[in-house]
């Protein structure tokens, strides 16, 4: 997860630049959310989560869905500000 966090700082810097004044506000939320999604996905793909309970798996997947919805809300809010 630490490696994913470090590597995800590069697209954050690029994205914050292109988003303009809201780049740091919106970009940071999206960056952290995507970092968590990538890290959890890598954990599943590499077998780090093998053998965990069904409850823990559902909790992680529910968290990922909430993060995706939150990113969608941030993107929509940013589009409203950008169009004004």
PDB file of N, CA and C in Angstrom:
ATOM      1  N   UNK A   1       0.833  -1.183   0.000  1.00  0.00           N
ATOM      2  CA  UNK A   1       0.000   0.000   0.000  1.00  0.00           C
ATOM      3  C   UNK A   1       0.877   1.246   0.000  1.00  0.00           C
ATOM      4  N   UNK A   2       2.001   1.176   0.663  1.00  0.00           N
ATOM      5  CA  UNK A   2       2.912   2.318   0.676  1.00  0.00           C
ATOM      6  C   UNK A   2       3.449   2.640  -0.702  1.00  0.00           C
ATOM      7  N   UNK A   3       3.778   1.596  -1.454  1.00  0.00           N
ATOM      8  CA  UNK A   3       4.261   1.810  -2.826  1.00  0.00           C
ATOM      9  C   UNK A   3       3.176   2.429  -3.689  1.00  0.00           C
ATOM     10  N   UNK A   4       1.950   1.937  -3.559  1.00  0.00           N
ATOM     11  CA  UNK A   4       0.843   2.498  -4.339  1.00  0.00           C
ATOM     12  C   UNK A   4       0.633   3.963  -3.989  1.00  0.00           C
ATOM     13  N   UNK A   5       0.724   4.274  -2.699  1.00  0.00           N
ATOM     14  CA  UNK A   5       0.551   5.670  -2.277  1.00  0.00           C
ATOM     15  C   UNK A   5       1.644   6.557  -2.877  1.00  0.00           C
ATOM     16  N   UNK A   6       2.872   6.097  -2.842  1.00  0.00           N
ATOM     17  CA  UNK A   6       3.983   6.872  -3.388  1.00  0.00           C
ATOM     18  C   UNK A   6       3.831   7.069  -4.898  1.00  0.00           C
ATOM     19  N   UNK A   7       3.524   6.010  -5.621  1.00  0.00           N
ATOM     20  CA  UNK A   7       3.397   6.077  -7.079  1.00  0.00           C
ATOM     21  C   UNK A   7       2.217   6.962  -7.488  1.00  0.00           C
ATOM     22  N   UNK A   8       1.148   6.962  -6.701  1.00  0.00           N
ATOM     23  CA  UNK A   8      -0.045   7.752  -7.045  1.00  0.00           C
ATOM     24  C   UNK A   8       0.151   9.246  -6.836  1.00  0.00           C
ATOM     25  N   UNK A   9       1.244   9.659  -6.243  1.00  0.00           N
ATOM     26  CA  UNK A   9       1.493  11.089  -6.082  1.00  0.00           C
ATOM     27  C   UNK A   9       1.818  11.753  -7.416  1.00  0.00           C
ATOM     28  N   UNK A  10       2.353  10.991  -8.355  1.00  0.00           N
ATOM     29  CA  UNK A  10       2.716  11.546  -9.667  1.00  0.00           C
ATOM     30  C   UNK A  10       1.475  12.002 -10.430  1.00  0.00           C
ATOM     31  N   UNK A  11       0.470  11.127 -10.645  1.00  0.00           N
ATOM     32  CA  UNK A  11      -0.718  11.619 -11.352  1.00  0.00           C
ATOM     33  C   UNK A  11      -1.482  12.685 -10.563  1.00  0.00           C
ATOM     34  N   UNK A  12      -1.363  12.668  -9.230  1.00  0.00           N
ATOM     35  CA  UNK A  12      -2.017  13.722  -8.444  1.00  0.00           C
ATOM     36  C   UNK A  12      -1.437  15.085  -8.793  1.00  0.00           C
ATOM     37  N   UNK A  13      -0.138  15.173  -8.848  1.00  0.00           N
ATOM     38  CA  UNK A  13       0.510  16.435  -9.188  1.00  0.00           C
ATOM     39  C   UNK A  13       0.120  16.928 -10.567  1.00  0.00           C
ATOM     40  N   UNK A  14       0.076  16.016 -11.513  1.00  0.00           N
ATOM     41  CA  UNK A  14      -0.314  16.380 -12.881  1.00  0.00           C
ATOM     42  C   UNK A  14      -1.780  16.801 -12.915  1.00  0.00           C
ATOM     43  N   UNK A  15      -2.652  16.011 -12.275  1.00  0.00           N
ATOM     44  CA  UNK A  15      -4.082  16.319 -12.274  1.00  0.00           C
ATOM     45  C   UNK A  15      -4.405  17.614 -11.560  1.00  0.00           C
ATOM     46  N   UNK A  16      -3.729  17.874 -10.443  1.00  0.00           N
ATOM     47  CA  UNK A  16      -3.982  19.115  -9.700  1.00  0.00           C
ATOM     48  C   UNK A  16      -3.634  20.329 -10.544  1.00  0.00           C
ATOM     49  N   UNK A  17      -2.603  20.205 -11.331  1.00  0.00           N
ATOM     50  CA  UNK A  17      -2.209  21.304 -12.220  1.00  0.00           C
ATOM     51  C   UNK A  17      -3.307  21.587 -13.243  1.00  0.00           C
ATOM     52  N   UNK A  18      -3.850  20.543 -13.853  1.00  0.00           N
ATOM     53  CA  UNK A  18      -4.853  20.732 -14.901  1.00  0.00           C
ATOM     54  C   UNK A  18      -6.240  21.093 -14.368  1.00  0.00           C
ATOM     55  N   UNK A  19      -6.528  20.791 -13.110  1.00  0.00           N
ATOM     56  CA  UNK A  19      -7.829  21.150 -12.554  1.00  0.00           C
ATOM     57  C   UNK A  19      -7.907  22.619 -12.158  1.00  0.00           C
ATOM     58  N   UNK A  20      -6.791  23.294 -12.097  1.00  0.00           N
ATOM     59  CA  UNK A  20      -6.788  24.720 -11.780  1.00  0.00           C
ATOM     60  C   UNK A  20      -6.976  24.985 -10.302  1.00  0.00           C
ATOM     61  N   UNK A  21      -7.852  25.953  -9.977  1.00  0.00           N
ATOM     62  CA  UNK A  21      -7.987  26.387  -8.584  1.00  0.00           C
ATOM     63  C   UNK A  21      -8.563  25.299  -7.680  1.00  0.00           C
ATOM     64  N   UNK A  22      -9.383  24.417  -8.199  1.00  0.00           N
ATOM     65  CA  UNK A  22      -9.930  23.344  -7.374  1.00  0.00           C
ATOM     66  C   UNK A  22      -9.068  22.081  -7.426  1.00  0.00           C
ATOM     67  N   UNK A  23      -7.940  22.154  -8.091  1.00  0.00           N
ATOM     68  CA  UNK A  23      -7.094  20.973  -8.262  1.00  0.00           C
ATOM     69  C   UNK A  23      -6.675  20.325  -6.968  1.00  0.00           C
ATOM     70  N   UNK A  24      -6.279  21.141  -6.006  1.00  0.00           N
ATOM     71  CA  UNK A  24      -5.825  20.546  -4.750  1.00  0.00           C
ATOM     72  C   UNK A  24      -6.993  20.021  -3.927  1.00  0.00           C
ATOM     73  N   UNK A  25      -8.125  20.684  -3.968  1.00  0.00           N
ATOM     74  CA  UNK A  25      -9.281  20.250  -3.188  1.00  0.00           C
ATOM     75  C   UNK A  25      -9.891  18.980  -3.746  1.00  0.00           C
ATOM     76  N   UNK A  26     -10.268  19.007  -4.999  1.00  0.00           N
ATOM     77  CA  UNK A  26     -10.896  17.855  -5.630  1.00  0.00           C
ATOM     78  C   UNK A  26      -9.862  16.761  -5.891  1.00  0.00           C
ATOM     79  N   UNK A  27      -8.712  17.152  -6.358  1.00  0.00           N
ATOM     80  CA  UNK A  27      -7.679  16.184  -6.722  1.00  0.00           C
ATOM     81  C   UNK A  27      -7.206  15.342  -5.556  1.00  0.00           C
ATOM     82  N   UNK A  28      -7.099  15.934  -4.368  1.00  0.00           N
ATOM     83  CA  UNK A  28      -6.620  15.170  -3.218  1.00  0.00           C
ATOM     84  C   UNK A  28      -7.610  14.065  -2.834  1.00  0.00           C
ATOM     85  N   UNK A  29      -8.900  14.384  -2.824  1.00  0.00           N
ATOM     86  CA  UNK A  29      -9.916  13.369  -2.520  1.00  0.00           C
ATOM     87  C   UNK A  29      -9.913  12.243  -3.533  1.00  0.00           C
ATOM     88  N   UNK A  30      -9.836  12.599  -4.792  1.00  0.00           N
ATOM     89  CA  UNK A  30      -9.792  11.588  -5.853  1.00  0.00           C
ATOM     90  C   UNK A  30      -8.503  10.770  -5.744  1.00  0.00           C
ATOM     91  N   UNK A  31      -7.396  11.437  -5.480  1.00  0.00           N
ATOM     92  CA  UNK A  31      -6.108  10.749  -5.371  1.00  0.00           C
ATOM     93  C   UNK A  31      -6.115   9.715  -4.239  1.00  0.00           C
ATOM     94  N   UNK A  32      -6.542  10.108  -3.066  1.00  0.00           N
ATOM     95  CA  UNK A  32      -6.552   9.184  -1.934  1.00  0.00           C
ATOM     96  C   UNK A  32      -7.538   8.047  -2.184  1.00  0.00           C
ATOM     97  N   UNK A  33      -8.710   8.373  -2.724  1.00  0.00           N
ATOM     98  CA  UNK A  33      -9.691   7.332  -3.034  1.00  0.00           C
ATOM     99  C   UNK A  33      -9.156   6.312  -4.029  1.00  0.00           C
ATOM    100  N   UNK A  34      -8.558   6.797  -5.097  1.00  0.00           N
ATOM    101  CA  UNK A  34      -8.016   5.879  -6.101  1.00  0.00           C
ATOM    102  C   UNK A  34      -6.830   5.089  -5.564  1.00  0.00           C
ATOM    103  N   UNK A  35      -6.026   5.703  -4.697  1.00  0.00           N
ATOM    104  CA  UNK A  35      -4.917   4.980  -4.086  1.00  0.00           C
ATOM    105  C   UNK A  35      -5.438   3.808  -3.252  1.00  0.00           C
ATOM    106  N   UNK A  36      -6.486   4.034  -2.485  1.00  0.00           N
ATOM    107  CA  UNK A  36      -7.065   2.960  -1.684  1.00  0.00           C
ATOM    108  C   UNK A  36      -7.663   1.865  -2.559  1.00  0.00           C
ATOM    109  N   UNK A  37      -8.317   2.255  -3.641  1.00  0.00           N
ATOM    110  CA  UNK A  37      -8.902   1.268  -4.549  1.00  0.00           C
ATOM    111  C   UNK A  37      -7.812   0.436  -5.214  1.00  0.00           C
ATOM    112  N   UNK A  38      -6.761   1.092  -5.699  1.00  0.00           N
ATOM    113  CA  UNK A  38      -5.660   0.374  -6.345  1.00  0.00           C
ATOM    114  C   UNK A  38      -4.978  -0.564  -5.350  1.00  0.00           C
ATOM    115  N   UNK A  39      -4.718  -0.086  -4.136  1.00  0.00           N
ATOM    116  CA  UNK A  39      -4.047  -0.912  -3.134  1.00  0.00           C
ATOM    117  C   UNK A  39      -4.896  -2.126  -2.750  1.00  0.00           C
ATOM    118  N   UNK A  40      -6.201  -1.922  -2.553  1.00  0.00           N
ATOM    119  CA  UNK A  40      -7.076  -3.047  -2.212  1.00  0.00           C
ATOM    120  C   UNK A  40      -7.177  -4.032  -3.372  1.00  0.00           C
ATOM    121  N   UNK A  41      -7.250  -3.510  -4.594  1.00  0.00           N
ATOM    122  CA  UNK A  41      -7.316  -4.380  -5.773  1.00  0.00           C
ATOM    123  C   UNK A  41      -6.044  -5.206  -5.922  1.00  0.00           C
ATOM    124  N   UNK A  42      -4.897  -4.571  -5.702  1.00  0.00           N
ATOM    125  CA  UNK A  42      -3.639  -5.316  -5.746  1.00  0.00           C
ATOM    126  C   UNK A  42      -3.584  -6.371  -4.645  1.00  0.00           C
ATOM    127  N   UNK A  43      -4.115  -6.038  -3.482  1.00  0.00           N
ATOM    128  CA  UNK A  43      -4.168  -7.010  -2.391  1.00  0.00           C
ATOM    129  C   UNK A  43      -4.987  -8.229  -2.758  1.00  0.00           C
ATOM    130  N   UNK A  44      -6.136  -8.012  -3.396  1.00  0.00           N
ATOM    131  CA  UNK A  44      -6.954  -9.140  -3.853  1.00  0.00           C
ATOM    132  C   UNK A  44      -6.248  -9.925  -4.951  1.00  0.00           C
ATOM    133  N   UNK A  45      -5.665  -9.209  -5.923  1.00  0.00           N
ATOM    134  CA  UNK A  45      -5.024  -9.866  -7.063  1.00  0.00           C
ATOM    135  C   UNK A  45      -3.784 -10.672  -6.654  1.00  0.00           C
ATOM    136  N   UNK A  46      -3.043 -10.186  -5.680  1.00  0.00           N
ATOM    137  CA  UNK A  46      -1.808 -10.861  -5.262  1.00  0.00           C
ATOM    138  C   UNK A  46      -2.026 -11.867  -4.133  1.00  0.00           C
ATOM    139  N   UNK A  47      -3.254 -12.001  -3.676  1.00  0.00           N
ATOM    140  CA  UNK A  47      -3.560 -13.008  -2.662  1.00  0.00           C
ATOM    141  C   UNK A  47      -3.350 -12.572  -1.226  1.00  0.00           C
ATOM    142  N   UNK A  48      -3.121 -11.290  -0.991  1.00  0.00           N
ATOM    143  CA  UNK A  48      -2.943 -10.810   0.379  1.00  0.00           C
ATOM    144  C   UNK A  48      -4.216 -10.973   1.208  1.00  0.00           C
ATOM    145  N   UNK A  49      -5.354 -10.959   0.560  1.00  0.00           N
ATOM    146  CA  UNK A  49      -6.628 -11.034   1.270  1.00  0.00           C
ATOM    147  C   UNK A  49      -7.178 -12.462   1.300  1.00  0.00           C
ATOM    148  N   UNK A  50      -6.378 -13.423   0.874  1.00  0.00           N
ATOM    149  CA  UNK A  50      -6.832 -14.817   0.846  1.00  0.00           C
ATOM    150  C   UNK A  50      -7.106 -15.304   2.271  1.00  0.00           C
ATOM    151  N   UNK A  51      -8.222 -15.952   2.465  1.00  0.00           N
ATOM    152  CA  UNK A  51      -8.542 -16.530   3.763  1.00  0.00           C
ATOM    153  C   UNK A  51      -9.249 -15.602   4.727  1.00  0.00           C
ATOM    154  N   UNK A  52      -9.574 -14.374   4.313  1.00  0.00           N
ATOM    155  CA  UNK A  52     -10.284 -13.480   5.232  1.00  0.00           C
ATOM    156  C   UNK A  52     -11.770 -13.834   5.222  1.00  0.00           C
ATOM    157  N   UNK A  53     -12.463 -13.382   6.230  1.00  0.00           N
ATOM    158  CA  UNK A  53     -13.883 -13.722   6.363  1.00  0.00           C
ATOM    159  C   UNK A  53     -14.720 -13.034   5.286  1.00  0.00           C
ATOM    160  N   UNK A  54     -15.899 -13.569   5.096  1.00  0.00           N
ATOM    161  CA  UNK A  54     -16.845 -12.992   4.137  1.00  0.00           C
ATOM    162  C   UNK A  54     -17.238 -11.575   4.567  1.00  0.00           C
ATOM    163  N   UNK A  55     -17.366 -11.375   5.873  1.00  0.00           N
ATOM    164  CA  UNK A  55     -17.708 -10.054   6.407  1.00  0.00           C
ATOM    165  C   UNK A  55     -16.628  -9.025   6.068  1.00  0.00           C
ATOM    166  N   UNK A  56     -15.366  -9.406   6.232  1.00  0.00           N
ATOM    167  CA  UNK A  56     -14.267  -8.482   5.925  1.00  0.00           C
ATOM    168  C   UNK A  56     -14.235  -8.157   4.434  1.00  0.00           C
ATOM    169  N   UNK A  57     -14.447  -9.159   3.598  1.00  0.00           N
ATOM    170  CA  UNK A  57     -14.481  -8.927   2.150  1.00  0.00           C
ATOM    171  C   UNK A  57     -15.615  -7.978   1.784  1.00  0.00           C
ATOM    172  N   UNK A  58     -16.782  -8.197   2.350  1.00  0.00           N
ATOM    173  CA  UNK A  58     -17.920  -7.312   2.065  1.00  0.00           C
ATOM    174  C   UNK A  58     -17.667  -5.895   2.561  1.00  0.00           C
ATOM    175  N   UNK A  59     -16.994  -5.766   3.697  1.00  0.00           N
ATOM    176  CA  UNK A  59     -16.677  -4.440   4.227  1.00  0.00           C
ATOM    177  C   UNK A  59     -15.735  -3.693   3.288  1.00  0.00           C
ATOM    178  N   UNK A  60     -14.717  -4.376   2.790  1.00  0.00           N
ATOM    179  CA  UNK A  60     -13.772  -3.750   1.852  1.00  0.00           C
ATOM    180  C   UNK A  60     -14.488  -3.355   0.561  1.00  0.00           C
ATOM    181  N   UNK A  61     -15.296  -4.250   0.022  1.00  0.00           N
ATOM    182  CA  UNK A  61     -16.004  -3.944  -1.229  1.00  0.00           C
ATOM    183  C   UNK A  61     -17.010  -2.819  -1.038  1.00  0.00           C
ATOM    184  N   UNK A  62     -17.678  -2.766   0.107  1.00  0.00           N
ATOM    185  CA  UNK A  62     -18.601  -1.669   0.396  1.00  0.00           C
ATOM    186  C   UNK A  62     -17.842  -0.344   0.467  1.00  0.00           C
ATOM    187  N   UNK A  63     -16.688  -0.359   1.104  1.00  0.00           N
ATOM    188  CA  UNK A  63     -15.857   0.840   1.166  1.00  0.00           C
ATOM    189  C   UNK A  63     -15.426   1.318  -0.207  1.00  0.00           C
ATOM    190  N   UNK A  64     -15.068   0.383  -1.079  1.00  0.00           N
ATOM    191  CA  UNK A  64     -14.663   0.742  -2.440  1.00  0.00           C
ATOM    192  C   UNK A  64     -15.831   1.380  -3.192  1.00  0.00           C
ATOM    193  N   UNK A  65     -17.029   0.824  -3.036  1.00  0.00           N
ATOM    194  CA  UNK A  65     -18.205   1.401  -3.697  1.00  0.00           C
ATOM    195  C   UNK A  65     -18.470   2.817  -3.173  1.00  0.00           C
ATOM    196  N   UNK A  66     -18.341   3.020  -1.868  1.00  0.00           N
ATOM    197  CA  UNK A  66     -18.550   4.356  -1.290  1.00  0.00           C
ATOM    198  C   UNK A  66     -17.518   5.339  -1.827  1.00  0.00           C
ATOM    199  N   UNK A  67     -16.272   4.899  -1.946  1.00  0.00           N
ATOM    200  CA  UNK A  67     -15.227   5.765  -2.495  1.00  0.00           C
ATOM    201  C   UNK A  67     -15.544   6.136  -3.942  1.00  0.00           C
ATOM    202  N   UNK A  68     -15.988   5.180  -4.736  1.00  0.00           N
ATOM    203  CA  UNK A  68     -16.317   5.457  -6.141  1.00  0.00           C
ATOM    204  C   UNK A  68     -17.474   6.451  -6.237  1.00  0.00           C
ATOM    205  N   UNK A  69     -18.492   6.283  -5.398  1.00  0.00           N
ATOM    206  CA  UNK A  69     -19.613   7.232  -5.385  1.00  0.00           C
ATOM    207  C   UNK A  69     -19.117   8.622  -4.980  1.00  0.00           C
ATOM    208  N   UNK A  70     -18.251   8.679  -3.978  1.00  0.00           N
ATOM    209  CA  UNK A  70     -17.691   9.964  -3.548  1.00  0.00           C
ATOM    210  C   UNK A  70     -16.887  10.651  -4.641  1.00  0.00           C
ATOM    211  N   UNK A  71     -16.106   9.875  -5.385  1.00  0.00           N
ATOM    212  CA  UNK A  71     -15.350  10.437  -6.506  1.00  0.00           C
ATOM    213  C   UNK A  71     -16.303  10.976  -7.567  1.00  0.00           C
ATOM    214  N   UNK A  72     -17.389  10.260  -7.810  1.00  0.00           N
ATOM    215  CA  UNK A  72     -18.387  10.738  -8.761  1.00  0.00           C
ATOM    216  C   UNK A  72     -19.015  12.051  -8.315  1.00  0.00           C
ATOM    217  N   UNK A  73     -19.309  12.168  -7.026  1.00  0.00           N
ATOM    218  CA  UNK A  73     -19.879  13.402  -6.496  1.00  0.00           C
ATOM    219  C   UNK A  73     -18.888  14.552  -6.633  1.00  0.00           C
ATOM    220  N   UNK A  74     -17.625  14.301  -6.301  1.00  0.00           N
ATOM    221  CA  UNK A  74     -16.599  15.338  -6.464  1.00  0.00           C
ATOM    222  C   UNK A  74     -16.462  15.770  -7.920  1.00  0.00           C
ATOM    223  N   UNK A  75     -16.479  14.805  -8.824  1.00  0.00           N
ATOM    224  CA  UNK A  75     -16.352  15.133 -10.247  1.00  0.00           C
ATOM    225  C   UNK A  75     -17.537  15.958 -10.719  1.00  0.00           C
ATOM    226  N   UNK A  76     -18.747  15.578 -10.285  1.00  0.00           N
ATOM    227  CA  UNK A  76     -19.931  16.329 -10.682  1.00  0.00           C
ATOM    228  C   UNK A  76     -19.890  17.756 -10.115  1.00  0.00           C
ATOM    229  N   UNK A  77     -19.542  17.872  -8.842  1.00  0.00           N
ATOM    230  CA  UNK A  77     -19.454  19.203  -8.229  1.00  0.00           C
ATOM    231  C   UNK A  77     -18.426  20.063  -8.922  1.00  0.00           C
ATOM    232  N   UNK A  78     -17.305  19.472  -9.290  1.00  0.00           N
ATOM    233  CA  UNK A  78     -16.256  20.217  -9.998  1.00  0.00           C
ATOM    234  C   UNK A  78     -16.755  20.659 -11.372  1.00  0.00           C
ATOM    235  N   UNK A  79     -17.554  19.830 -12.038  1.00  0.00           N
ATOM    236  CA  UNK A  79     -18.067  20.236 -13.353  1.00  0.00           C
ATOM    237  C   UNK A  79     -19.037  21.408 -13.229  1.00  0.00           C
ATOM    238  N   UNK A  80     -19.761  21.487 -12.128  1.00  0.00           N
ATOM    239  CA  UNK A  80     -20.682  22.612 -11.919  1.00  0.00           C
ATOM    240  C   UNK A  80     -19.911  23.910 -11.721  1.00  0.00           C
ATOM    241  N   UNK A  81     -18.837  23.846 -10.975  1.00  0.00           N
ATOM    242  CA  UNK A  81     -18.028  25.040 -10.729  1.00  0.00           C
ATOM    243  C   UNK A  81     -17.297  25.451 -12.001  1.00  0.00           C
ATOM    244  N   UNK A  82     -16.796  24.482 -12.750  1.00  0.00           N
ATOM    245  CA  UNK A  82     -16.042  24.778 -13.958  1.00  0.00           C
ATOM    246  C   UNK A  82     -16.923  25.414 -15.040  1.00  0.00           C
ATOM    247  N   UNK A  83     -18.221  25.077 -15.042  1.00  0.00           N
ATOM    248  CA  UNK A  83     -19.103  25.618 -16.081  1.00  0.00           C
ATOM    249  C   UNK A  83     -19.588  27.024 -15.756  1.00  0.00           C
ATOM    250  N   UNK A  84     -19.435  27.486 -14.498  1.00  0.00           N
ATOM    251  CA  UNK A  84     -19.910  28.824 -14.169  1.00  0.00           C
ATOM    252  C   UNK A  84     -18.927  29.889 -14.534  1.00  0.00           C
TER     253      UNK A  84
END
